């Protein structure tokens, strides 16, 4: 596989695509096999749509000199990305964690872009395909690259670090996400800590939250730059935090008022602030960046519908993120509270226990109407006047027909597969 040659073609192209629906003129199409399709079959279509070259791994689909035949197209994409990363030699910040990766990545990006030309992972393209595509989006004008890394099993972060070769790393937290793939919370800690192992092996730097004892323990052998709440040993000290509902941070003499909801977002803000400090972004510029950021894509959005105030956090959920979202919601000084909670996926054998524990944690909360949606919640239902269980979204939505919501504060939280943002259609 002649990666230098492919890279020379890439530098003359308009970019790389793995989806013929997104082909740009003079781009390179990489045909990657999926579970349900063979993208080699789209090679001709890619060229017809304007691609300059196609990379395939099935010689039956060879067309002409514009076709590059490799042993494995996915491996070629990953090797090309690694080669490009070394070609650019720009500083790269990588981040992973169970919760808050995408929000933190976006906050870091808006802060650093006040001083540098930055590029970051688009959306959540953070896997073995998304990370290479992110690296290939960087160019000679990029001064700092920000790469989000997701994982649902061990050795995945290790693999992504070998491709991206980060100079700096940050782990948002270690929570109960993807328990099925990691084999439990200890597996999550081990898997996410693969980033620390890479940084240590290559004498790179970690950004560390001193409020997280796991981070402190796992990163103690590393070079690190830290933040904490009134911590003397922290490189960056946050003096005060509050959220009702929006996060406000007191940093030195600066008050930062964000559009992010809940104390669970405070660490995301603090991390971006800290990284801005490390890269010598002016404090007032950091404040302006953090205050300008408005979440979207169903991530902790505050919406108003009629007389109702809605916290829409339906992008994803796991036991850790669900618990902090609920805890924050219960602390809000609001009347007429409603929680609409959807099933949490990818918990494997822990699913029934985690859903039961969450339901039981709300037994003493009699002033909140709780709607539990999905088969996992339905199987652990208990009789309580303010608890309502539905085995599917269809049965839940049918139960809402004719309900007139007025003057409520509503939390909507669930895994992506539940698509609970559909609830908005039924809130009149």
Protein backbone atom coordinates (compact mmCIF):
# COMPACT_ATOMS: atom_id res chain seq x y z
CA UNK A 1 0.00 0.00 0.00
CA UNK A 2 1.68 3.20 -1.22
CA UNK A 3 0.46 5.68 1.39
CA UNK A 4 2.87 8.48 0.33
CA UNK A 5 1.46 8.26 -3.20
CA UNK A 6 -2.13 8.28 -1.94
CA UNK A 7 -1.26 11.24 0.27
CA UNK A 8 0.13 13.16 -2.71
CA UNK A 9 -3.22 12.63 -4.45
CA UNK A 10 -5.04 13.65 -1.28
CA UNK A 11 -3.16 16.97 -1.10
CA UNK A 12 -4.39 17.80 -4.60
CA UNK A 13 -7.96 16.77 -3.78
CA UNK A 14 -10.81 18.59 -2.07
CA UNK A 15 -10.94 16.00 0.73
CA UNK A 16 -11.97 12.45 1.54
CA UNK A 17 -15.42 10.93 1.74
CA UNK A 18 -16.79 7.52 2.71
CA UNK A 19 -20.33 8.41 1.64
CA UNK A 20 -21.29 8.95 -2.01
CA UNK A 21 -24.12 11.22 -0.86
CA UNK A 22 -21.45 13.70 0.30
CA UNK A 23 -19.07 13.53 -2.64
CA UNK A 24 -17.41 16.82 -3.53
CA UNK A 25 -15.89 17.53 -6.93
CA UNK A 26 -12.27 16.31 -7.09
CA UNK A 27 -12.49 14.49 -3.76
CA UNK A 28 -11.31 10.96 -2.96
CA UNK A 29 -13.90 8.30 -2.19
CA UNK A 30 -12.85 5.49 0.17
CA UNK A 31 -15.01 2.39 -0.21
CA UNK A 32 -15.44 0.89 3.26
CA UNK A 33 -17.43 -2.31 3.75
CA UNK A 34 -20.27 -2.12 6.24
CA UNK A 35 -22.30 -4.82 7.96
CA UNK A 36 -25.10 -4.46 5.42
CA UNK A 37 -23.37 -3.17 2.29
CA UNK A 38 -20.16 -3.24 0.26
CA UNK A 39 -19.16 0.31 -0.63
CA UNK A 40 -16.96 -1.02 -3.44
CA UNK A 41 -20.19 -1.21 -5.42
CA UNK A 42 -20.45 2.59 -5.27
CA UNK A 43 -17.07 3.29 -6.89
CA UNK A 44 -18.50 4.08 -10.31
CA UNK A 45 -21.15 6.34 -8.78
CA UNK A 46 -18.47 8.24 -6.84
CA UNK A 47 -16.49 8.96 -10.01
CA UNK A 48 -19.64 9.98 -11.86
CA UNK A 49 -20.38 12.46 -9.06
CA UNK A 50 -16.98 14.09 -9.48
CA UNK A 51 -14.51 12.17 -7.31
CA UNK A 52 -10.96 12.32 -8.69
CA UNK A 53 -10.07 8.86 -7.36
CA UNK A 54 -11.65 5.94 -5.55
CA UNK A 55 -9.95 3.60 -3.09
CA UNK A 56 -11.31 0.06 -3.21
CA UNK A 57 -10.36 -3.31 -1.74
CA UNK A 58 -12.18 -5.61 -4.18
CA UNK A 59 -10.49 -5.93 -7.57
CA UNK A 60 -13.79 -6.91 -9.19
CA UNK A 61 -14.73 -3.23 -9.03
CA UNK A 62 -11.56 -1.87 -10.61
CA UNK A 63 -12.47 0.79 -13.20
CA UNK A 64 -9.39 2.56 -14.59
CA UNK A 65 -6.30 4.51 -13.48
CA UNK A 66 -8.51 6.56 -11.14
CA UNK A 67 -9.03 3.40 -9.08
CA UNK A 68 -6.59 2.64 -6.25
CA UNK A 69 -6.73 -1.00 -5.20
CA UNK A 70 -5.61 -1.74 -1.63
CA UNK A 71 -5.77 -4.77 0.63
CA UNK A 72 -8.21 -3.11 3.04
CA UNK A 73 -9.86 0.27 2.46
CA UNK A 74 -10.46 1.02 6.14
CA UNK A 75 -6.82 0.35 7.00
CA UNK A 76 -5.78 2.56 4.08
CA UNK A 77 -7.94 5.40 5.42
CA UNK A 78 -6.43 5.04 8.89
CA UNK A 79 -2.86 4.87 7.60
CA UNK A 80 -3.45 7.87 5.36
CA UNK A 81 -4.76 9.85 8.34
CA UNK A 82 -1.74 8.90 10.44
CA UNK A 83 0.62 9.87 7.62
CA UNK A 84 -1.18 13.22 7.20
CA UNK A 85 -0.99 13.87 10.94
CA UNK A 86 2.80 13.40 10.83
CA UNK A 87 3.02 15.49 7.65
CA UNK A 88 1.33 18.48 9.34
CA UNK A 89 3.08 18.10 12.71
CA UNK A 90 0.52 20.38 14.40
CA UNK A 91 -0.36 20.14 18.12
CA UNK A 92 -3.35 17.89 18.74
CA UNK A 93 -5.60 17.76 21.79
CA UNK A 94 -7.49 14.48 22.21
CA UNK A 95 -10.36 13.88 24.59
CA UNK A 96 -12.47 10.95 25.63
CA UNK A 97 -14.70 10.01 28.57
CA UNK A 98 -18.08 8.52 29.40
CA UNK A 99 -20.09 11.76 29.36
CA UNK A 100 -19.66 15.28 28.05
CA UNK A 101 -17.10 14.59 25.30
CA UNK A 102 -18.84 16.45 22.51
CA UNK A 103 -19.87 19.45 24.61
CA UNK A 104 -16.35 19.74 26.04
CA UNK A 105 -14.81 19.44 22.60
CA UNK A 106 -17.02 22.22 21.28
CA UNK A 107 -16.24 24.45 24.27
CA UNK A 108 -12.50 23.91 23.84
CA UNK A 109 -12.85 24.76 20.17
CA UNK A 110 -14.69 28.06 20.74
CA UNK A 111 -12.19 29.09 23.41
CA UNK A 112 -9.03 28.29 21.46
CA UNK A 113 -10.44 29.76 18.25
CA UNK A 114 -10.25 33.17 19.95
CA UNK A 115 -6.49 33.03 19.42
CA UNK A 116 -5.73 30.17 17.02
CA UNK A 117 -6.98 28.70 13.77
CA UNK A 118 -8.52 25.51 15.12
CA UNK A 119 -10.37 22.55 13.67
CA UNK A 120 -12.25 19.95 15.66
CA UNK A 121 -14.20 16.76 15.25
CA UNK A 122 -17.50 17.51 13.54
CA UNK A 123 -20.46 16.24 15.56
CA UNK A 124 -19.55 12.93 17.13
CA UNK A 125 -17.40 11.44 14.35
CA UNK A 126 -15.22 9.92 17.03
CA UNK A 127 -14.69 6.25 16.11
CA UNK A 128 -12.25 4.26 13.95
CA UNK A 129 -13.64 5.97 10.84
CA UNK A 130 -14.52 9.38 12.30
CA UNK A 131 -11.11 10.04 13.87
CA UNK A 132 -9.23 9.48 10.56
CA UNK A 133 -11.74 11.72 8.73
CA UNK A 134 -11.21 14.40 11.39
CA UNK A 135 -7.42 14.24 10.99
CA UNK A 136 -7.78 14.49 7.22
CA UNK A 137 -9.85 17.66 7.63
CA UNK A 138 -6.82 19.44 9.13
CA UNK A 139 -4.62 21.40 6.75
CA UNK A 140 -1.63 23.72 6.66
CA UNK A 141 -3.73 26.56 8.04
CA UNK A 142 -4.77 24.57 11.12
CA UNK A 143 -2.82 25.67 14.18
CA UNK A 144 -4.42 23.33 16.75
CA UNK A 145 -6.44 20.18 16.09
CA UNK A 146 -9.05 18.89 18.55
CA UNK A 147 -9.96 15.22 18.27
CA UNK A 148 -12.83 13.56 20.12
CA UNK A 149 -12.44 9.81 20.72
CA UNK A 150 -15.30 7.47 21.56
CA UNK A 151 -15.07 3.84 22.58
CA UNK A 152 -17.35 0.98 23.58
CA UNK A 153 -14.68 -1.63 24.30
CA UNK A 154 -11.11 -1.92 25.53
CA UNK A 155 -8.13 -1.21 23.26
CA UNK A 156 -10.18 1.20 21.12
CA UNK A 157 -8.77 4.39 22.68
CA UNK A 158 -5.28 2.89 22.47
CA UNK A 159 -5.81 2.29 18.74
CA UNK A 160 -7.19 5.79 18.10
CA UNK A 161 -4.30 7.39 19.99
CA UNK A 162 -1.82 5.53 17.78
CA UNK A 163 -3.52 7.10 14.75
CA UNK A 164 -3.98 10.65 16.09
CA UNK A 165 -0.79 10.75 18.21
CA UNK A 166 -2.07 13.50 20.55
CA UNK A 167 0.24 15.93 22.29
CA UNK A 168 -2.37 16.66 24.98
CA UNK A 169 -5.18 14.57 26.42
CA UNK A 170 -8.23 15.03 28.59
CA UNK A 171 -10.67 12.46 30.00
CA UNK A 172 -13.99 14.04 30.96
CA UNK A 173 -14.98 11.30 33.44
CA UNK A 174 -15.33 7.57 34.02
CA UNK A 175 -19.01 6.62 34.12
CA UNK A 176 -21.39 3.75 33.54
CA UNK A 177 -21.48 3.94 29.75
CA UNK A 178 -21.14 1.01 27.33
CA UNK A 179 -20.95 -1.42 30.24
CA UNK A 180 -21.79 -4.30 27.93
CA UNK A 181 -18.72 -3.73 25.74
CA UNK A 182 -16.32 -2.81 28.54
CA UNK A 183 -17.48 -5.54 30.91
CA UNK A 184 -18.37 -3.26 33.83
CA UNK A 185 -17.20 -0.01 35.37
CA UNK A 186 -13.65 -1.29 35.98
CA UNK A 187 -13.43 -2.04 32.28
CA UNK A 188 -14.59 1.51 31.51
CA UNK A 189 -11.83 2.94 33.70
CA UNK A 190 -9.23 0.68 32.13
CA UNK A 191 -10.40 1.45 28.59
CA UNK A 192 -10.55 5.23 28.95
CA UNK A 193 -7.20 5.25 30.78
CA UNK A 194 -5.55 3.95 27.61
CA UNK A 195 -5.22 7.63 26.71
CA UNK A 196 -3.14 8.23 29.84
CA UNK A 197 -0.96 5.27 28.94
CA UNK A 198 -0.30 6.73 25.49
CA UNK A 199 0.52 10.16 26.93
CA UNK A 200 2.88 8.62 29.50
CA UNK A 201 4.66 6.44 26.97
CA UNK A 202 5.21 9.43 24.67
CA UNK A 203 6.00 12.02 27.38
CA UNK A 204 2.92 14.12 26.58
CA UNK A 205 0.68 16.20 28.85
CA UNK A 206 -2.71 15.48 30.42
CA UNK A 207 -5.27 18.03 31.55
CA UNK A 208 -6.59 16.83 34.91
CA UNK A 209 -9.69 17.58 36.95
CA UNK A 210 -8.61 17.45 40.59
CA UNK A 211 -12.26 16.98 41.63
CA UNK A 212 -12.18 13.48 40.10
CA UNK A 213 -10.19 11.05 42.28
CA UNK A 214 -9.93 8.53 39.45
CA UNK A 215 -8.31 11.12 37.19
CA UNK A 216 -5.94 12.15 39.97
CA UNK A 217 -4.89 8.56 40.60
CA UNK A 218 -4.59 7.46 36.98
CA UNK A 219 -2.69 10.55 35.80
CA UNK A 220 -0.30 11.02 38.72
CA UNK A 221 2.71 9.69 36.77
CA UNK A 222 2.02 12.07 33.89
CA UNK A 223 2.99 15.62 33.14
CA UNK A 224 -0.26 17.42 33.78
CA UNK A 225 -1.96 20.80 33.95
CA UNK A 226 -4.83 20.78 36.42
CA UNK A 227 -7.96 22.55 37.54
CA UNK A 228 -10.03 22.35 40.71
CA UNK A 229 -12.51 24.11 42.94
CA UNK A 230 -10.56 26.17 45.49
CA UNK A 231 -7.63 23.75 45.22
CA UNK A 232 -4.24 25.23 46.13
CA UNK A 233 -2.37 22.69 44.04
CA UNK A 234 -4.43 23.37 40.91
CA UNK A 235 -2.88 25.27 38.01
CA UNK A 236 -6.28 26.85 37.44
CA UNK A 237 -8.53 27.51 40.43
CA UNK A 238 -12.28 27.93 40.12
CA UNK A 239 -13.58 29.84 43.14
CA UNK A 240 -17.34 29.30 42.78
CA UNK A 241 -19.90 27.40 40.70
CA UNK A 242 -23.67 27.54 40.62
CA UNK A 243 -26.42 26.40 38.26
CA UNK A 244 -30.08 27.40 38.45
CA UNK A 245 -30.47 26.31 35.76
CA UNK A 246 -27.51 27.78 33.82
CA UNK A 247 -23.91 27.19 34.85
CA UNK A 248 -22.09 30.22 36.25
CA UNK A 249 -18.37 30.12 37.05
CA UNK A 250 -16.30 32.50 39.17
CA UNK A 251 -12.72 32.50 37.93
CA UNK A 252 -10.28 35.03 39.41
CA UNK A 253 -12.26 38.27 39.19
CA UNK A 254 -14.24 37.11 36.16
CA UNK A 255 -17.86 35.92 36.29
CA UNK A 256 -18.76 33.60 33.40
CA UNK A 257 -22.46 33.03 32.71
CA UNK A 258 -23.05 30.20 30.23
CA UNK A 259 -26.01 28.83 28.30
CA UNK A 260 -25.29 25.33 29.62
CA UNK A 261 -27.73 23.73 32.04
CA UNK A 262 -26.80 21.83 35.19
CA UNK A 263 -23.85 21.43 37.51
CA UNK A 264 -22.81 18.36 35.51
CA UNK A 265 -21.77 20.77 32.73
CA UNK A 266 -19.52 22.76 35.07
CA UNK A 267 -16.57 20.43 34.59
CA UNK A 268 -16.94 20.76 30.80
CA UNK A 269 -16.76 24.54 31.14
CA UNK A 270 -13.85 24.33 33.59
CA UNK A 271 -11.87 22.07 31.27
CA UNK A 272 -12.26 24.44 28.33
CA UNK A 273 -11.34 27.39 30.54
CA UNK A 274 -8.25 25.55 31.78
CA UNK A 275 -7.09 24.58 28.31
CA UNK A 276 -7.62 28.18 27.21
CA UNK A 277 -5.41 29.32 30.09
CA UNK A 278 -2.73 26.79 29.16
CA UNK A 279 -2.64 28.07 25.59
CA UNK A 280 -2.55 31.68 26.85
CA UNK A 281 -5.91 32.83 25.55
CA UNK A 282 -6.81 36.10 27.27
CA UNK A 283 -9.27 35.75 30.15
CA UNK A 284 -11.81 38.13 28.65
CA UNK A 285 -11.67 36.19 25.38
CA UNK A 286 -12.28 32.94 27.28
CA UNK A 287 -15.28 34.53 28.99
CA UNK A 288 -16.68 35.77 25.68
CA UNK A 289 -16.25 32.35 24.07
CA UNK A 290 -17.88 30.38 26.87
CA UNK A 291 -20.77 32.83 27.17
CA UNK A 292 -21.42 32.72 23.42
CA UNK A 293 -21.71 28.93 23.17
CA UNK A 294 -25.29 27.68 22.82
CA UNK A 295 -25.86 23.89 22.91
CA UNK A 296 -27.91 22.19 20.22
CA UNK A 297 -28.67 18.72 18.85
CA UNK A 298 -30.77 17.75 21.89
CA UNK A 299 -27.86 18.27 24.30
CA UNK A 300 -28.99 20.07 27.46
CA UNK A 301 -31.09 22.53 25.50
CA UNK A 302 -33.47 24.83 27.33
CA UNK A 303 -36.62 25.27 25.29
CA UNK A 304 -39.91 27.03 25.84
CA UNK A 305 -43.16 25.62 24.52
CA UNK A 306 -46.26 27.48 25.51
CA UNK A 307 -46.07 28.02 29.24
CA UNK A 308 -43.66 25.10 29.69
CA UNK A 309 -39.91 25.24 30.23
CA UNK A 310 -38.21 22.13 28.82
CA UNK A 311 -34.72 20.76 29.40
CA UNK A 312 -34.12 18.58 26.35
CA UNK A 313 -31.21 16.21 26.96
CA UNK A 314 -32.22 13.37 24.67
CA UNK A 315 -29.01 12.88 22.71
CA UNK A 316 -27.81 10.02 24.89
CA UNK A 317 -28.00 8.51 28.37
CA UNK A 318 -26.26 6.07 30.67
CA UNK A 319 -26.63 5.51 34.44
CA UNK A 320 -24.02 8.15 35.29
CA UNK A 321 -25.31 10.90 33.02
CA UNK A 322 -28.93 10.08 33.92
CA UNK A 323 -28.20 10.38 37.63
CA UNK A 324 -26.47 13.76 37.40
CA UNK A 325 -29.19 15.13 35.11
CA UNK A 326 -31.91 14.03 37.55
CA UNK A 327 -30.00 15.30 40.59
CA UNK A 328 -29.57 18.69 38.98
CA UNK A 329 -33.22 18.81 37.90
CA UNK A 330 -34.47 18.03 41.39
CA UNK A 331 -32.36 20.86 42.80
CA UNK A 332 -33.93 23.47 40.54
CA UNK A 333 -36.13 25.94 42.34
CA UNK A 334 -39.14 25.26 40.14
CA UNK A 335 -42.73 24.14 40.69
CA UNK A 336 -44.73 21.57 38.67
CA UNK A 337 -41.80 19.36 37.68
CA UNK A 338 -42.09 16.50 35.22
CA UNK A 339 -39.39 13.99 34.24
CA UNK A 340 -39.67 11.93 31.06
CA UNK A 341 -36.95 9.28 31.19
CA UNK A 342 -36.18 6.78 28.44
CA UNK A 343 -34.34 3.47 28.51
CA UNK A 344 -30.54 3.40 28.75
CA UNK A 345 -28.91 1.15 26.15
CA UNK A 346 -25.71 -0.96 25.95
CA UNK A 347 -25.73 -1.97 29.62
CA UNK A 348 -25.69 -5.73 29.00
CA UNK A 349 -26.31 -7.85 32.08
CA UNK A 350 -26.34 -4.72 34.24
CA UNK A 351 -29.39 -3.26 32.48
CA UNK A 352 -32.14 -4.48 34.81
CA UNK A 353 -30.18 -3.55 37.93
CA UNK A 354 -29.28 -0.07 36.69
CA UNK A 355 -32.85 0.74 35.60
CA UNK A 356 -34.24 -0.62 38.89
CA UNK A 357 -31.73 1.37 40.93
CA UNK A 358 -32.67 4.55 39.12
CA UNK A 359 -36.40 4.02 39.69
CA UNK A 360 -35.81 3.23 43.36
CA UNK A 361 -33.71 6.38 43.78
CA UNK A 362 -36.84 8.41 43.03
CA UNK A 363 -39.22 6.68 45.43
CA UNK A 364 -39.13 9.55 47.93
CA UNK A 365 -39.65 12.23 45.27
CA UNK A 366 -43.42 12.67 45.49
CA UNK A 367 -43.59 16.17 44.02
CA UNK A 368 -42.33 15.19 40.58
CA UNK A 369 -44.37 13.39 37.94
CA UNK A 370 -42.13 10.66 36.51
CA UNK A 371 -42.76 9.08 33.12
CA UNK A 372 -40.58 6.03 32.39
CA UNK A 373 -40.48 5.00 28.73
CA UNK A 374 -39.13 1.74 27.30
CA UNK A 375 -39.05 -1.99 27.93
CA UNK A 376 -36.20 -1.88 30.45
CA UNK A 377 -37.96 0.63 32.69
CA UNK A 378 -41.30 -1.13 32.19
CA UNK A 379 -39.88 -4.38 33.56
CA UNK A 380 -38.94 -2.75 36.86
CA UNK A 381 -42.11 -0.75 37.45
CA UNK A 382 -43.49 -0.18 40.91
CA UNK A 383 -46.83 1.19 42.05
CA UNK A 384 -46.64 4.85 42.97
CA UNK A 385 -49.11 7.63 42.21
CA UNK A 386 -46.59 9.87 40.49
CA UNK A 387 -44.86 7.05 38.56
CA UNK A 388 -46.06 6.20 35.05
CA UNK A 389 -44.54 3.33 33.04
CA UNK A 390 -44.81 2.68 29.29
CA UNK A 391 -43.20 -0.19 27.39
CA UNK A 392 -42.69 1.83 24.21
CA UNK A 393 -42.76 5.36 22.88
CA UNK A 394 -45.98 4.57 21.02
CA UNK A 395 -47.82 3.61 24.21
CA UNK A 396 -46.34 6.66 25.94
CA UNK A 397 -47.41 9.07 23.19
CA UNK A 398 -50.88 7.52 23.15
CA UNK A 399 -51.12 8.17 26.87
CA UNK A 400 -50.26 11.82 26.29
CA UNK A 401 -53.02 12.42 23.76
CA UNK A 402 -55.33 15.04 25.17
CA UNK A 403 -53.03 15.94 28.07
CA UNK A 404 -52.74 19.70 28.41
CA UNK A 405 -49.30 20.68 29.72
CA UNK A 406 -49.29 24.07 31.41
CA UNK A 407 -46.71 25.89 33.53
CA UNK A 408 -44.43 22.87 33.91
CA UNK A 409 -40.68 22.43 34.08
CA UNK A 410 -39.90 19.26 32.13
CA UNK A 411 -36.74 17.15 31.86
CA UNK A 412 -36.51 14.85 28.82
CA UNK A 413 -33.60 12.41 29.05
CA UNK A 414 -32.91 9.06 27.34
CA UNK A 415 -30.62 7.11 25.06
CA UNK A 416 -30.35 8.14 21.41
CA UNK A 417 -32.28 5.10 20.26
CA UNK A 418 -35.33 6.22 22.24
CA UNK A 419 -35.52 9.50 20.24
CA UNK A 420 -37.38 11.18 23.09
CA UNK A 421 -37.24 14.56 21.34
CA UNK A 422 -40.44 13.29 19.69
CA UNK A 423 -42.13 14.12 22.98
CA UNK A 424 -42.09 17.80 22.01
CA UNK A 425 -44.87 17.10 19.51
CA UNK A 426 -47.21 16.13 22.35
CA UNK A 427 -46.54 19.09 24.62
CA UNK A 428 -49.27 21.49 23.55
